[in-house]
Structures are given as structure tokens and as C-alpha cells.
Amino acid sequence: MQYIDKGQCIFCLRKHPEVSFFEKPHTMPRSLGSDSIGFDVCNDCNHYFGESDKLSFPQLCIEVCVKEVFGIIKHLLNVSKNDEYGKKNRMRSIFFEYRHSESKIKIKSSFQYNHRFINSFTNQFKRGLYEMFLQEYHKVTQNGLDAKFDEIREYARFNKGNVPVYYMLNNGVFLLEENIANPKFHFSENQFETIERYGFYSLWLWGQIFFLEVTPKAKLCRDTYLRREATELIGTRFVFRGLIELEKITDIDFTLRSLFGGKS
């Protein structure tokens, strides 16, 4: 069985039979609880996103960077809802260790605070968001090959350019999805309209909100759109306190300090 609809890879644009599509393209990492399978991602591109990336330095895997950030958020949210969860479920992580008895996160030596590592990790995480978006969008619409996605295609797959990501700063009040065990990308009629009109897609995962510039229109509409969204979401500042461009991975509150009061 090949996972094909159009028969052309949405990332490298090569076609069958030049490339094969036998590998299951998980649109989101399975370790995060996703069971979503896409199509039209060739074996070569599927492997690329799950391996150490020779296009980055240091060579960090795109999928690992996504899993590490969202994995720790998911684990801590489960612990906050059910203390027994932390006792029975050990957090598996390359970069972090959760000490349940102390309710603390220990950052392992594999996570480095030097400028080069942080920049690479941040870039790989951002590329992972755009990779997941394009796969999920194509799964829902079958239109992921549209030329309007060429910029994010080049960025996610070939590390060309630097497409921005924007992040809502949280005050420790997390608006969660109904089922945090099974994360999903959501595409409502309003979101499709926003993509067409403004070039933006808003991604909500585990109480975290990211705004992705998915088409060239986003550059023209950036100020208007982001100002409107920030005003609406921040409001009284009870839940959110600001909107920033994601420049460092540590800008994300992935250890949920805002929720645990600095214990993480």
C-alpha cells in the first residue's frame, strides 16, 4: 500500500514512480498521542523529518524538537489534572527529566544554553510546526501542492529562508482541548477564510497558541491581523499577557512555570 492521493510529494514535489510513498506519514508525532495519517509525503521526506538534520548545526532532528517541547507540556498538564498520573507515568525525554516527588523539571546537559544550540532548536521547532501544518492541511483539503505554500514548503523541507512564528504569552490559565491525549489540528470554515484572506493559521495545542504565516498574504496583513488577534485574546490579561515573535525556544513556557508558580 502506498499513501498517495495526488501521487506527488507535498514537500520535495517529486512524483511517483520517481519516489515511493510506502512509509506511513504521521502528520504529528505518535509519541504525542496523535493517530493522524496523511498522504503524498514520499519516503525520503518522511525519513528526513525524523532523522538528525544535516541542514542544521548542531544537527537536531525536527521531529524530536517538536516532541520534546509538546511532550513536556502534555506531561505536566496531565500531572496538574491528576497527581497519580505523574507517579505512574515517567516522562520520556532526551533533554528534560521530571522529578515527581519534587514537582520539578531538571534540564539535562544535552540541552545547551549557548546561542548556537538555542537558535538551531528554535528553528527546527518552527520548521516542525510548518511541516505538520502542511501535512494536516493537505490531508483535509488535498490542496497542499498549491504554489501559495511554496515558501513554507522550502522552509520546512530544505531550511531555506526563515518563516516567522508568533506565540501568545500565557498567565497560567490554560484553555485546553477536550481530549489532550489525542491532539489534532483544527480546520474550521473561519480558519480556511483566515488563510485565504490574511495568510495566517492559528494553532492551538495543549493551551499554547501559535500563529503561522502560511501564505505570502501574511506579510501584507501581518500588522492588522496580529493586532486584531492580540487585542481579542489578551483582553483583560486574565489568560494571555502578550503576543511575541518566537525568536528563542525558551520564550515558550514549556515547563509551565506560569502554572506551577516557578517550581518547574
Protein backbone atom coordinates (compact mmCIF):
# COMPACT_ATOMS: atom_id res chain seq x y z
CA MET A 1 0.00 0.00 0.00
CA GLN A 2 1.22 3.47 -0.86
CA TYR A 3 -0.10 6.56 0.92
CA ILE A 4 -1.00 8.50 -2.22
CA ASP A 5 -3.72 10.87 -3.33
CA LYS A 6 -2.10 13.15 -5.91
CA GLY A 7 0.99 10.99 -6.32
CA GLN A 8 3.29 13.99 -5.84
CA CYS A 9 5.19 14.74 -2.64
CA ILE A 10 3.93 17.91 -0.96
CA PHE A 11 7.47 18.71 0.23
CA CYS A 12 10.00 17.86 -2.49
CA LEU A 13 7.39 17.90 -5.32
CA ARG A 14 8.77 14.73 -6.89
CA LYS A 15 6.23 12.35 -8.37
CA HIS A 16 5.53 8.64 -8.34
CA PRO A 17 7.21 6.46 -9.60
CA GLU A 18 10.37 8.59 -9.20
CA VAL A 19 9.74 8.36 -5.46
CA SER A 20 7.76 5.91 -3.34
CA PHE A 21 5.07 6.53 -0.72
CA PHE A 22 5.10 3.30 1.29
CA GLU A 23 6.01 4.82 4.67
CA LYS A 24 3.12 5.92 6.90
CA PRO A 25 3.30 9.72 7.07
CA HIS A 26 2.23 10.56 10.62
CA THR A 27 1.14 14.17 10.41
CA MET A 28 2.06 14.61 14.08
CA PRO A 29 4.47 12.55 16.21
CA ARG A 30 2.87 9.35 17.51
CA SER A 31 4.56 9.81 20.87
CA LEU A 32 2.34 12.85 21.46
CA GLY A 33 -0.76 10.70 21.10
CA SER A 34 -1.68 11.51 17.52
CA ASP A 35 -3.10 8.81 15.29
CA SER A 36 -3.40 11.04 12.22
CA ILE A 37 -2.00 9.57 9.00
CA GLY A 38 -1.62 11.72 5.90
CA PHE A 39 -0.57 11.05 2.32
CA ASP A 40 1.60 12.38 -0.50
CA VAL A 41 4.77 12.53 1.62
CA CYS A 42 7.46 10.47 -0.09
CA ASN A 43 9.64 8.03 1.80
CA ASP A 44 12.68 10.31 1.52
CA CYS A 45 10.91 13.32 3.03
CA ASN A 46 9.20 11.18 5.66
CA HIS A 47 12.60 9.90 6.81
CA TYR A 48 14.15 13.37 6.66
CA PHE A 49 11.83 14.87 9.27
CA GLY A 50 12.52 12.01 11.69
CA GLU A 51 16.32 11.98 11.44
CA SER A 52 19.16 14.22 12.59
CA ASP A 53 19.19 17.11 10.16
CA LYS A 54 22.40 17.75 8.25
CA LEU A 55 20.99 21.12 7.17
CA SER A 56 21.17 22.43 10.74
CA PHE A 57 24.04 22.95 13.16
CA PRO A 58 24.05 21.40 15.62
CA GLN A 59 22.25 18.59 13.80
CA LEU A 60 18.93 18.44 15.62
CA CYS A 61 16.02 16.35 14.38
CA ILE A 62 12.91 18.38 13.52
CA GLU A 63 10.51 15.78 14.90
CA VAL A 64 12.49 15.45 18.14
CA CYS A 65 12.39 19.21 18.75
CA VAL A 66 8.61 19.21 18.33
CA LYS A 67 8.17 16.13 20.53
CA GLU A 68 10.37 17.48 23.31
CA VAL A 69 8.53 20.79 23.66
CA PHE A 70 4.99 19.47 23.36
CA GLY A 71 5.81 16.24 25.22
CA ILE A 72 6.83 18.05 28.39
CA ILE A 73 3.79 20.36 28.18
CA LYS A 74 1.46 17.39 27.76
CA HIS A 75 3.04 15.51 30.66
CA LEU A 76 2.87 18.46 33.05
CA LEU A 77 -0.74 19.22 32.15
CA ASN A 78 -1.66 15.61 32.89
CA VAL A 79 0.12 15.85 36.23
CA SER A 80 -1.70 19.09 37.06
CA LYS A 81 -5.03 17.37 36.42
CA ASN A 82 -4.19 14.09 38.18
CA ASP A 83 -1.30 13.73 40.62
CA GLU A 84 -1.36 9.95 40.27
CA TYR A 85 -0.51 10.33 36.60
CA GLY A 86 2.98 11.58 37.48
CA LYS A 87 3.57 8.65 39.83
CA LYS A 88 2.57 6.04 37.27
CA ASN A 89 3.89 7.61 34.08
CA ARG A 90 7.51 8.52 33.63
CA MET A 91 8.24 11.33 31.21
CA ARG A 92 10.47 10.11 28.39
CA SER A 93 12.69 12.91 27.17
CA ILE A 94 16.11 13.48 25.67
CA PHE A 95 16.52 16.93 27.18
CA PHE A 96 14.38 17.01 30.32
CA GLU A 97 13.63 14.98 33.44
CA TYR A 98 10.54 15.40 35.61
CA ARG A 99 11.05 14.67 39.30
CA HIS A 100 7.56 13.96 40.54
CA SER A 101 8.47 13.84 44.23
CA GLU A 102 9.79 17.41 43.99
CA SER A 103 7.39 18.62 41.29
CA LYS A 104 10.40 19.94 39.39
CA ILE A 105 11.81 19.79 35.92
CA LYS A 106 15.51 19.07 35.57
CA ILE A 107 17.13 20.22 32.34
CA LYS A 108 19.69 17.66 31.19
CA SER A 109 23.13 18.58 29.94
CA SER A 110 22.04 17.58 26.42
CA PHE A 111 20.01 20.80 26.33
CA GLN A 112 22.54 23.59 25.94
CA TYR A 113 22.04 27.26 26.61
CA ASN A 114 24.60 28.53 24.13
CA HIS A 115 23.44 30.76 21.29
CA ARG A 116 24.07 28.23 18.53
CA PHE A 117 22.07 25.41 20.17
CA ILE A 118 19.11 27.63 21.09
CA ASN A 119 18.96 29.07 17.57
CA SER A 120 19.08 25.64 15.97
CA PHE A 121 16.47 24.18 18.34
CA THR A 122 14.14 27.13 17.77
CA ASN A 123 14.49 26.93 14.00
CA GLN A 124 13.87 23.17 13.93
CA PHE A 125 10.80 23.55 16.15
CA LYS A 126 9.38 26.24 13.87
CA ARG A 127 10.05 24.12 10.79
CA GLY A 128 8.24 21.27 12.52
CA LEU A 129 5.13 23.42 13.04
CA TYR A 130 5.03 24.25 9.33
CA GLU A 131 5.68 20.62 8.38
CA MET A 132 2.73 19.49 10.49
CA PHE A 133 0.51 22.27 9.16
CA LEU A 134 1.13 21.40 5.51
CA GLN A 135 0.53 17.70 6.09
CA GLU A 136 -2.69 18.32 8.02
CA TYR A 137 -3.92 20.92 5.54
CA HIS A 138 -3.27 18.56 2.62
CA LYS A 139 -5.00 15.71 4.42
CA VAL A 140 -8.15 17.81 4.85
CA THR A 141 -8.18 19.69 1.52
CA GLN A 142 -5.89 17.73 -0.87
CA ASN A 143 -4.52 21.16 -1.84
CA GLY A 144 -1.11 21.10 -0.15
CA LEU A 145 0.64 21.29 -3.52
CA ASP A 146 -0.73 24.78 -4.17
CA ALA A 147 2.04 27.24 -5.08
CA LYS A 148 0.94 29.60 -2.30
CA PHE A 149 2.60 27.18 0.14
CA ASP A 150 5.97 27.16 -1.66
CA GLU A 151 7.67 29.36 0.93
CA ILE A 152 6.73 27.19 3.91
CA ARG A 153 7.46 24.07 1.84
CA GLU A 154 11.01 25.30 1.16
CA TYR A 155 11.49 26.30 4.78
CA ALA A 156 10.18 23.10 6.35
CA ARG A 157 11.92 20.67 3.99
CA PHE A 158 15.07 22.47 2.83
CA ASN A 159 15.69 25.06 5.58
CA LYS A 160 15.51 27.92 3.09
CA GLY A 161 14.52 31.28 4.49
CA ASN A 162 13.11 31.92 7.94
CA VAL A 163 9.33 31.98 8.19
CA PRO A 164 8.18 33.64 11.43
CA VAL A 165 6.03 32.08 14.13
CA TYR A 166 4.14 34.15 16.73
CA TYR A 167 3.33 33.00 20.25
CA MET A 168 0.81 34.07 22.88
CA LEU A 169 2.36 34.52 26.34
CA ASN A 170 0.25 32.75 28.97
CA ASN A 171 -0.55 33.84 32.54
CA GLY A 172 -1.00 30.27 33.76
CA VAL A 173 -4.65 29.80 32.79
CA PHE A 174 -4.68 27.12 30.11
CA LEU A 175 -7.66 26.76 27.79
CA LEU A 176 -7.37 23.08 26.91
CA GLU A 177 -8.85 20.95 24.20
CA GLU A 178 -11.46 18.38 25.20
CA ASN A 179 -9.01 15.49 24.76
CA ILE A 180 -5.38 16.39 25.40
CA ALA A 181 -4.37 12.76 24.93
CA ASN A 182 -5.19 12.90 21.22
CA PRO A 183 -4.04 16.24 19.75
CA LYS A 184 -5.50 17.47 16.48
CA PHE A 185 -5.13 20.32 14.04
CA HIS A 186 -8.48 22.03 13.59
CA PHE A 187 -9.70 23.50 10.33
CA SER A 188 -12.96 25.37 10.67
CA GLU A 189 -14.61 27.44 7.95
CA ASN A 190 -13.35 30.53 9.77
CA GLN A 191 -9.77 29.24 9.67
CA PHE A 192 -9.97 28.49 5.95
CA GLU A 193 -11.28 32.02 5.42
CA THR A 194 -8.43 33.44 7.52
CA ILE A 195 -5.86 31.54 5.47
CA GLU A 196 -7.32 32.89 2.23
CA ARG A 197 -7.84 36.43 3.47
CA TYR A 198 -4.85 37.01 5.75
CA GLY A 199 -2.44 34.13 5.07
CA PHE A 200 -2.40 33.06 8.73
CA TYR A 201 -3.27 29.84 10.54
CA SER A 202 -3.80 29.83 14.31
CA LEU A 203 -2.58 26.65 16.00
CA TRP A 204 -3.93 25.71 19.45
CA LEU A 205 -2.22 22.75 21.14
CA TRP A 206 -2.29 21.98 24.88
CA GLY A 207 -3.27 25.52 25.76
CA GLN A 208 -0.48 27.02 23.65
CA ILE A 209 -1.35 29.35 20.78
CA PHE A 210 0.87 29.90 17.77
CA PHE A 211 0.19 31.99 14.67
CA LEU A 212 1.78 30.67 11.47
CA GLU A 213 2.39 32.69 8.31
CA VAL A 214 1.33 30.06 5.79
CA THR A 215 0.93 32.09 2.56
CA PRO A 216 2.56 35.24 1.13
CA LYS A 217 -0.53 37.29 2.07
CA ALA A 218 0.60 37.12 5.69
CA LYS A 219 3.42 39.61 5.06
CA LEU A 220 0.94 42.21 3.82
CA CYS A 221 -1.65 41.57 6.53
CA ARG A 222 0.69 40.88 9.44
CA ASP A 223 0.23 44.07 11.45
CA THR A 224 -3.53 44.27 11.00
CA TYR A 225 -4.19 40.60 11.67
CA LEU A 226 -1.88 40.16 14.66
CA ARG A 227 -3.03 43.40 16.28
CA ARG A 228 -6.64 42.26 15.99
CA GLU A 229 -5.95 38.78 17.36
CA ALA A 230 -3.82 40.09 20.22
CA THR A 231 -6.46 42.61 21.25
CA GLU A 232 -9.18 39.97 21.22
CA LEU A 233 -7.21 37.27 23.06
CA ILE A 234 -5.41 39.40 25.62
CA GLY A 235 -8.48 41.36 26.66
CA THR A 236 -8.31 41.81 30.44
CA ARG A 237 -4.97 39.92 30.55
CA PHE A 238 -6.50 37.15 32.67
CA VAL A 239 -5.37 34.35 30.33
CA PHE A 240 -2.84 35.95 27.99
CA ARG A 241 -0.44 38.83 28.58
CA GLY A 242 1.16 39.45 25.21
CA LEU A 243 1.97 38.34 21.69
CA ILE A 244 5.58 37.93 20.55
CA GLU A 245 7.51 36.65 17.59
CA LEU A 246 9.11 33.36 18.62
CA GLU A 247 12.85 34.01 18.49
CA LYS A 248 14.09 31.62 21.19
CA ILE A 249 12.60 28.28 22.17
CA THR A 250 12.87 29.39 25.79
CA ASP A 251 10.25 32.07 25.01
CA ILE A 252 7.74 29.21 25.18
CA ASP A 253 6.59 28.36 28.67
CA PHE A 254 7.09 24.65 28.03
CA THR A 255 7.91 23.88 31.68
CA LEU A 256 4.64 25.64 32.64
CA ARG A 257 6.26 27.96 35.19
CA SER A 258 3.22 30.22 34.90
CA LEU A 259 1.03 27.33 36.07
CA PHE A 260 3.28 25.87 38.77
CA GLY A 261 4.43 29.18 40.20
CA GLY A 262 8.10 28.81 39.32
CA LYS A 263 8.50 25.25 40.65
CA SER A 264 9.36 23.81 37.25
